[in-house]
Amino acid sequence: MAANVQQKTVLVTGGAGFIGSYLVHRLLKDGYGVAVLTKETTDMRRIADVLPGITVLHDDLGNTKRLKKLLEGLHPYGIFHCAASNIKQGIAAPEDDLISINFAGTVHLVQALQNFDYKFFINCGTYIEYGTKDDSLTESDSCEPGEIYALTKLAATLYCQTIARNSGKPIITFRIFSPYGPQMEKGRLVEAVVHHALKNEDISLTSPEIARDFIFIDDLVDLFMEAAEKASAHAGEVFNAGGGKETMLKELVERTLKLTASKSKILWGSAKAVSYDKGCQRANMKKTLSAFLWRPAIDVEAGIKKMVEWFVSRDRMAK
């Protein structure tokens, strides 16, 4: 973002989570002040190293008036809205949590900020808002979410879009495809494959032909930082955030086993497929690449290598 960032504080909701924590570290590196909004029960390990240098606000996005009072005096330069409820440790969140956090929580946050003159509001959406399609996923596609999580995220996207168009607020949404990298949620696809491969343990997966469009976390953060500069020019718009390429599970596993010299056995068909495993998973990145100078820099093989190096380094430090 802009070079002169002194006294500019950026609010990151879900700032202790995977994507949010990377944004927190990047913002601090670039000289911004950072305020993190998170629940009191949140595990803060991902940002433990920077806690003394940031403002931590505790709230669950459950009430507009409470949020508004909490944010008084903050005057955020911009907002990265990463807070969401989905799956943790392989356990799906209750429907009430999905609705109250993903949709209602977004409404409460936007309403609480309505009198603030912020420069950007980046909303984190998801590609599964689209539902199942036969071709690459494009922002103009109709959305037919196949599960409650996707439905609540789509509702939040549409709300943000409506507010931005009606009020001129610089709110944009990125439909994120499959982000991965060090410190990602335990049990997620790439994390599980690398973790088990390093331990030479059996790896349970669905079908070798299922694909994902992966985006490395550093690439995603780079995109977000550029988008924050240009949000006012794209108020109300939705952009894909992916690599623009499908990687089959078979290819992902083969690369990982090779990089780790693993003897793990792949148990195809032993894991349950999810609703969005059907159809095309590839992001059509034409709109995103036209709007921003950003280009993904880390391909899947390089990303897996970084994951392996992080695991090895972490385990070595733990001994």
Protein backbone atom coordinates (compact mmCIF):
# COMPACT_ATOMS: atom_id res chain seq x y z
CA MET A 1 0.00 0.00 0.00
CA ALA A 2 0.97 3.66 0.17
CA ALA A 3 4.45 4.54 1.43
CA ASN A 4 3.35 7.12 4.04
CA VAL A 5 1.58 4.88 6.52
CA GLN A 6 2.39 6.49 9.85
CA GLN A 7 -0.62 6.75 12.16
CA LYS A 8 -2.69 4.60 9.78
CA THR A 9 -4.32 1.70 11.58
CA VAL A 10 -5.81 -1.23 9.71
CA LEU A 11 -8.47 -3.42 11.31
CA VAL A 12 -8.17 -7.17 10.66
CA THR A 13 -11.12 -9.28 11.75
CA GLY A 14 -10.15 -12.87 12.35
CA GLY A 15 -6.60 -11.59 12.64
CA ALA A 16 -5.40 -14.62 14.55
CA GLY A 17 -6.58 -17.01 11.84
CA PHE A 18 -4.60 -18.32 8.88
CA ILE A 19 -5.17 -15.55 6.34
CA GLY A 20 -5.64 -12.82 8.94
CA SER A 21 -2.37 -13.58 10.72
CA TYR A 22 -0.39 -13.25 7.50
CA LEU A 23 -2.05 -9.90 6.85
CA VAL A 24 -1.19 -8.75 10.38
CA HIS A 25 2.49 -9.58 9.88
CA ARG A 26 2.58 -7.94 6.44
CA LEU A 27 0.88 -4.76 7.64
CA LEU A 28 3.33 -4.42 10.52
CA LYS A 29 6.25 -5.04 8.18
CA ASP A 30 4.97 -2.24 5.93
CA GLY A 31 4.72 0.15 8.87
CA TYR A 32 0.98 0.19 9.57
CA GLY A 33 -0.69 0.16 12.93
CA VAL A 34 -2.80 -2.96 13.38
CA ALA A 35 -5.95 -3.67 15.35
CA VAL A 36 -7.19 -7.25 15.50
CA LEU A 37 -10.81 -8.13 16.17
CA THR A 38 -11.26 -11.65 17.49
CA LYS A 39 -13.18 -13.70 20.03
CA GLU A 40 -11.79 -14.01 23.54
CA THR A 41 -11.48 -17.77 23.15
CA THR A 42 -9.35 -17.54 20.00
CA ASP A 43 -5.95 -19.26 19.91
CA MET A 44 -3.46 -16.41 19.38
CA ARG A 45 -0.38 -18.55 18.60
CA ARG A 46 -0.06 -17.37 14.97
CA ILE A 47 0.40 -13.74 16.09
CA ALA A 48 1.95 -14.34 19.52
CA ASP A 49 5.22 -12.79 18.35
CA VAL A 50 3.60 -9.43 17.57
CA LEU A 51 0.95 -9.13 20.28
CA PRO A 52 2.83 -6.39 22.19
CA GLY A 53 2.77 -4.19 19.09
CA ILE A 54 -0.89 -4.43 18.08
CA THR A 55 -4.31 -3.58 19.49
CA VAL A 56 -6.49 -6.58 20.31
CA LEU A 57 -10.25 -6.09 20.44
CA HIS A 58 -12.49 -8.91 21.63
CA ASP A 59 -15.91 -9.33 20.04
CA ASP A 60 -17.93 -12.00 18.26
CA LEU A 61 -19.58 -9.71 15.66
CA GLY A 62 -22.89 -10.37 17.35
CA ASN A 63 -24.15 -6.84 17.92
CA THR A 64 -23.84 -3.65 15.87
CA LYS A 65 -24.09 -1.20 18.78
CA ARG A 66 -21.49 -3.07 20.81
CA LEU A 67 -19.15 -3.18 17.84
CA LYS A 68 -19.63 0.50 17.14
CA LYS A 69 -18.73 1.38 20.72
CA LEU A 70 -15.72 -0.94 20.64
CA LEU A 71 -14.41 0.70 17.48
CA GLU A 72 -14.81 4.27 18.77
CA GLY A 73 -11.50 6.10 18.62
CA LEU A 74 -9.94 3.54 16.27
CA HIS A 75 -10.61 5.41 13.01
CA PRO A 76 -9.47 2.52 10.81
CA TYR A 77 -7.69 3.40 7.58
CA GLY A 78 -9.03 0.16 6.15
CA ILE A 79 -10.49 -3.22 7.02
CA PHE A 80 -9.60 -6.77 6.06
CA HIS A 81 -12.62 -8.86 6.99
CA CYS A 82 -11.30 -12.40 7.45
CA ALA A 83 -13.44 -13.59 10.37
CA ALA A 84 -15.56 -16.61 9.48
CA SER A 85 -16.99 -19.81 10.86
CA ASN A 86 -16.53 -23.04 8.93
CA ILE A 87 -14.61 -26.21 9.82
CA LYS A 88 -12.05 -26.59 12.57
CA GLN A 89 -10.15 -29.77 13.27
CA GLY A 90 -12.41 -31.57 10.80
CA ILE A 91 -15.62 -30.60 12.65
CA ALA A 92 -18.21 -28.50 10.82
CA ALA A 93 -19.56 -25.46 12.65
CA PRO A 94 -23.25 -25.47 13.67
CA GLU A 95 -25.62 -23.77 11.24
CA ASP A 96 -26.46 -21.07 13.80
CA ASP A 97 -22.76 -20.13 14.03
CA LEU A 98 -22.41 -20.03 10.27
CA ILE A 99 -25.35 -17.67 9.96
CA SER A 100 -24.55 -15.47 12.96
CA ILE A 101 -20.85 -15.02 12.12
CA ASN A 102 -20.55 -15.28 8.35
CA PHE A 103 -23.65 -13.34 7.37
CA ALA A 104 -25.10 -11.47 10.36
CA GLY A 105 -21.60 -10.74 11.66
CA THR A 106 -20.65 -9.12 8.36
CA VAL A 107 -23.83 -7.03 8.45
CA HIS A 108 -23.10 -5.89 12.01
CA LEU A 109 -19.52 -4.97 11.12
CA VAL A 110 -20.43 -2.98 8.02
CA GLN A 111 -23.19 -1.16 9.93
CA ALA A 112 -20.86 -0.40 12.84
CA LEU A 113 -18.40 1.17 10.39
CA GLN A 114 -20.93 3.15 8.36
CA ASN A 115 -19.86 6.53 9.77
CA PHE A 116 -16.15 5.83 9.35
CA ASP A 117 -14.33 7.21 6.31
CA TYR A 118 -12.24 4.11 5.61
CA LYS A 119 -10.23 3.71 2.41
CA PHE A 120 -10.94 0.04 1.84
CA PHE A 121 -12.93 -2.91 3.10
CA ILE A 122 -11.72 -6.25 1.72
CA ASN A 123 -14.29 -8.98 2.31
CA CYS A 124 -13.11 -12.60 2.19
CA GLY A 125 -15.54 -14.70 0.20
CA THR A 126 -15.13 -18.24 -1.12
CA TYR A 127 -15.25 -19.91 -4.51
CA ILE A 128 -17.77 -22.45 -3.29
CA GLU A 129 -20.35 -19.67 -3.43
CA TYR A 130 -20.53 -20.56 -7.13
CA GLY A 131 -21.64 -24.13 -6.56
CA THR A 132 -20.88 -26.82 -9.13
CA LYS A 133 -19.95 -25.68 -12.65
CA ASP A 134 -18.67 -27.45 -15.75
CA ASP A 135 -16.20 -24.75 -16.77
CA SER A 136 -13.79 -22.33 -15.12
CA LEU A 137 -15.51 -20.21 -12.48
CA THR A 138 -16.20 -16.62 -13.52
CA GLU A 139 -17.44 -13.72 -11.39
CA SER A 140 -20.45 -13.29 -13.67
CA ASP A 141 -21.60 -16.91 -13.15
CA SER A 142 -24.84 -17.50 -11.31
CA CYS A 143 -24.25 -18.75 -7.79
CA GLU A 144 -25.85 -21.96 -6.57
CA PRO A 145 -24.21 -22.79 -3.23
CA GLY A 146 -24.51 -26.43 -2.25
CA GLU A 147 -24.09 -26.09 1.52
CA ILE A 148 -24.93 -23.72 4.36
CA TYR A 149 -21.40 -22.36 4.74
CA ALA A 150 -21.31 -21.32 1.08
CA LEU A 151 -24.83 -19.88 1.36
CA THR A 152 -23.88 -17.67 4.31
CA LYS A 153 -20.75 -16.46 2.55
CA LEU A 154 -22.74 -15.65 -0.58
CA ALA A 155 -25.26 -13.71 1.50
CA ALA A 156 -22.39 -11.69 2.99
CA THR A 157 -20.93 -11.05 -0.46
CA LEU A 158 -24.27 -9.80 -1.79
CA TYR A 159 -24.81 -7.59 1.26
CA CYS A 160 -21.35 -6.03 0.88
CA GLN A 161 -21.98 -5.51 -2.81
CA THR A 162 -25.33 -3.81 -2.19
CA ILE A 163 -23.97 -1.48 0.49
CA ALA A 164 -20.99 -0.53 -1.67
CA ARG A 165 -23.18 0.26 -4.68
CA ASN A 166 -25.76 2.20 -2.69
CA SER A 167 -23.39 4.15 -0.46
CA GLY A 168 -20.19 4.29 -2.49
CA LYS A 169 -18.27 2.58 0.28
CA PRO A 170 -14.97 1.07 -1.01
CA ILE A 171 -15.99 -2.52 -0.27
CA ILE A 172 -14.81 -5.34 -2.53
CA THR A 173 -15.00 -9.11 -2.17
CA PHE A 174 -12.49 -11.76 -3.17
CA ARG A 175 -13.78 -15.25 -3.75
CA ILE A 176 -10.76 -17.15 -2.49
CA PHE A 177 -10.07 -20.55 -3.96
CA SER A 178 -7.82 -22.98 -2.01
CA PRO A 179 -5.30 -21.01 0.06
CA TYR A 180 -2.45 -22.91 1.65
CA GLY A 181 0.87 -22.33 3.37
CA PRO A 182 2.68 -22.68 6.70
CA GLN A 183 0.39 -22.50 9.76
CA MET A 184 -2.74 -23.31 7.79
CA GLU A 185 -5.54 -25.04 9.69
CA LYS A 186 -4.63 -28.52 10.84
CA GLY A 187 -6.38 -31.22 8.84
CA ARG A 188 -6.83 -29.16 5.67
CA LEU A 189 -5.89 -30.91 2.45
CA VAL A 190 -2.34 -29.69 1.81
CA GLU A 191 -1.48 -29.61 5.51
CA ALA A 192 -2.64 -33.18 6.01
CA VAL A 193 -0.85 -34.53 2.93
CA VAL A 194 2.48 -32.91 3.86
CA HIS A 195 2.16 -33.78 7.55
CA HIS A 196 1.47 -37.47 6.94
CA ALA A 197 4.04 -37.72 4.15
CA LEU A 198 6.80 -36.45 6.44
CA LYS A 199 5.85 -39.09 9.00
CA ASN A 200 5.52 -41.85 6.38
CA GLU A 201 1.93 -42.36 7.51
CA ASP A 202 -1.00 -43.54 5.39
CA ILE A 203 -2.81 -40.69 3.62
CA SER A 204 -6.59 -40.97 3.26
CA LEU A 205 -8.01 -39.15 0.24
CA THR A 206 -11.07 -39.15 -1.99
CA SER A 207 -10.36 -39.54 -5.71
CA PRO A 208 -7.07 -38.91 -7.57
CA GLU A 209 -9.06 -37.07 -10.27
CA ILE A 210 -10.52 -34.43 -7.93
CA ALA A 211 -8.83 -31.07 -8.42
CA ARG A 212 -8.28 -27.80 -6.60
CA ASP A 213 -7.12 -24.35 -7.67
CA PHE A 214 -4.46 -23.60 -5.07
CA ILE A 215 -3.14 -20.16 -4.13
CA PHE A 216 -0.16 -19.79 -1.81
CA ILE A 217 -0.78 -17.53 1.16
CA ASP A 218 1.99 -15.04 0.29
CA ASP A 219 0.48 -14.56 -3.17
CA LEU A 220 -2.95 -14.00 -1.67
CA VAL A 221 -1.64 -11.37 0.75
CA ASP A 222 0.16 -9.58 -2.09
CA LEU A 223 -3.12 -9.42 -4.01
CA PHE A 224 -5.00 -8.10 -0.99
CA MET A 225 -2.44 -5.38 -0.35
CA GLU A 226 -2.65 -4.08 -3.91
CA ALA A 227 -6.45 -4.33 -3.87
CA ALA A 228 -6.55 -2.20 -0.72
CA GLU A 229 -4.92 0.62 -2.67
CA LYS A 230 -7.48 0.40 -5.47
CA ALA A 231 -10.67 -0.48 -3.60
CA SER A 232 -12.35 2.87 -4.25
CA ALA A 233 -12.13 2.25 -8.00
CA HIS A 234 -13.81 -1.14 -7.66
CA ALA A 235 -16.47 -0.54 -5.00
CA GLY A 236 -19.05 -3.32 -4.99
CA GLU A 237 -17.08 -5.61 -7.27
CA VAL A 238 -16.28 -9.29 -6.78
CA PHE A 239 -12.97 -10.82 -7.85
CA ASN A 240 -11.62 -14.34 -8.00
CA ALA A 241 -8.46 -15.05 -6.02
CA GLY A 242 -6.84 -18.23 -7.27
CA GLY A 243 -3.96 -19.47 -9.34
CA GLY A 244 -6.06 -20.01 -12.45
CA LYS A 245 -4.95 -23.62 -12.72
CA GLU A 246 -6.36 -26.91 -11.49
CA THR A 247 -4.10 -29.38 -9.71
CA MET A 248 -5.34 -32.95 -9.44
CA LEU A 249 -5.02 -34.63 -6.05
CA LYS A 250 -2.90 -37.30 -7.71
CA GLU A 251 -0.42 -34.65 -8.85
CA LEU A 252 -0.40 -32.94 -5.46
CA VAL A 253 0.37 -36.21 -3.69
CA GLU A 254 3.03 -37.32 -6.17
CA ARG A 255 4.88 -34.02 -5.83
CA THR A 256 4.69 -34.16 -2.05
CA LEU A 257 5.91 -37.75 -1.83
CA LYS A 258 8.81 -36.90 -4.12
CA LEU A 259 9.82 -33.79 -2.17
CA THR A 260 9.68 -35.66 1.15
CA ALA A 261 11.06 -39.00 -0.08
CA SER A 262 8.05 -40.42 1.74
CA LYS A 263 6.98 -44.05 1.95
CA SER A 264 3.38 -43.15 2.78
CA LYS A 265 0.62 -45.29 1.30
CA ILE A 266 -2.21 -43.41 -0.42
CA LEU A 267 -5.64 -44.76 0.50
CA TRP A 268 -7.79 -43.52 -2.37
CA GLY A 269 -11.51 -43.57 -1.71
CA SER A 270 -11.12 -43.73 2.05
CA ALA A 271 -12.03 -40.07 2.66
CA LYS A 272 -15.47 -38.54 2.23
CA ALA A 273 -15.96 -36.20 -0.72
CA VAL A 274 -17.47 -32.77 -0.20
CA SER A 275 -20.27 -31.13 -2.17
CA TYR A 276 -17.93 -28.99 -4.27
CA ASP A 277 -15.69 -31.88 -5.39
CA LYS A 278 -17.78 -32.17 -8.54
CA GLY A 279 -17.24 -30.05 -11.61
CA CYS A 280 -14.52 -27.56 -12.45
CA GLN A 281 -12.52 -25.96 -9.64
CA ARG A 282 -10.43 -23.53 -11.72
CA ALA A 283 -10.68 -19.78 -11.22
CA ASN A 284 -11.13 -17.68 -14.30
CA MET A 285 -8.65 -14.93 -13.39
CA LYS A 286 -9.22 -12.63 -16.38
CA LYS A 287 -11.09 -9.96 -14.41
CA THR A 288 -8.62 -9.99 -11.51
CA LEU A 289 -5.57 -9.84 -13.77
CA SER A 290 -7.13 -6.96 -15.71
CA ALA A 291 -7.85 -4.92 -12.59
CA PHE A 292 -4.56 -5.44 -10.77
CA LEU A 293 -0.86 -5.62 -11.59
CA TRP A 294 -0.59 -8.64 -9.29
CA ARG A 295 0.45 -12.00 -10.67
CA PRO A 296 0.85 -15.24 -8.65
CA ALA A 297 4.53 -15.94 -8.06
CA ILE A 298 4.55 -19.28 -6.22
CA ASP A 299 3.43 -22.39 -8.08
CA VAL A 300 2.19 -25.55 -6.37
CA GLU A 301 5.55 -27.32 -6.33
CA ALA A 302 7.32 -24.31 -4.81
CA GLY A 303 4.48 -23.90 -2.32
CA ILE A 304 4.64 -27.51 -1.20
CA LYS A 305 8.39 -27.17 -0.78
CA LYS A 306 7.84 -24.17 1.50
CA MET A 307 5.31 -26.19 3.49
CA VAL A 308 7.78 -29.07 3.90
CA GLU A 309 10.56 -26.71 5.00
CA TRP A 310 8.26 -25.11 7.56
CA PHE A 311 7.21 -28.46 9.02
CA VAL A 312 10.81 -29.63 9.26
CA SER A 313 11.93 -26.37 10.88
CA ARG A 314 9.04 -26.42 13.36
CA ASP A 315 9.68 -30.01 14.38
CA ARG A 316 13.39 -29.33 14.78
CA MET A 317 12.71 -26.36 17.07
CA ALA A 318 10.28 -28.45 19.12
CA LYS A 319 12.97 -31.01 20.01
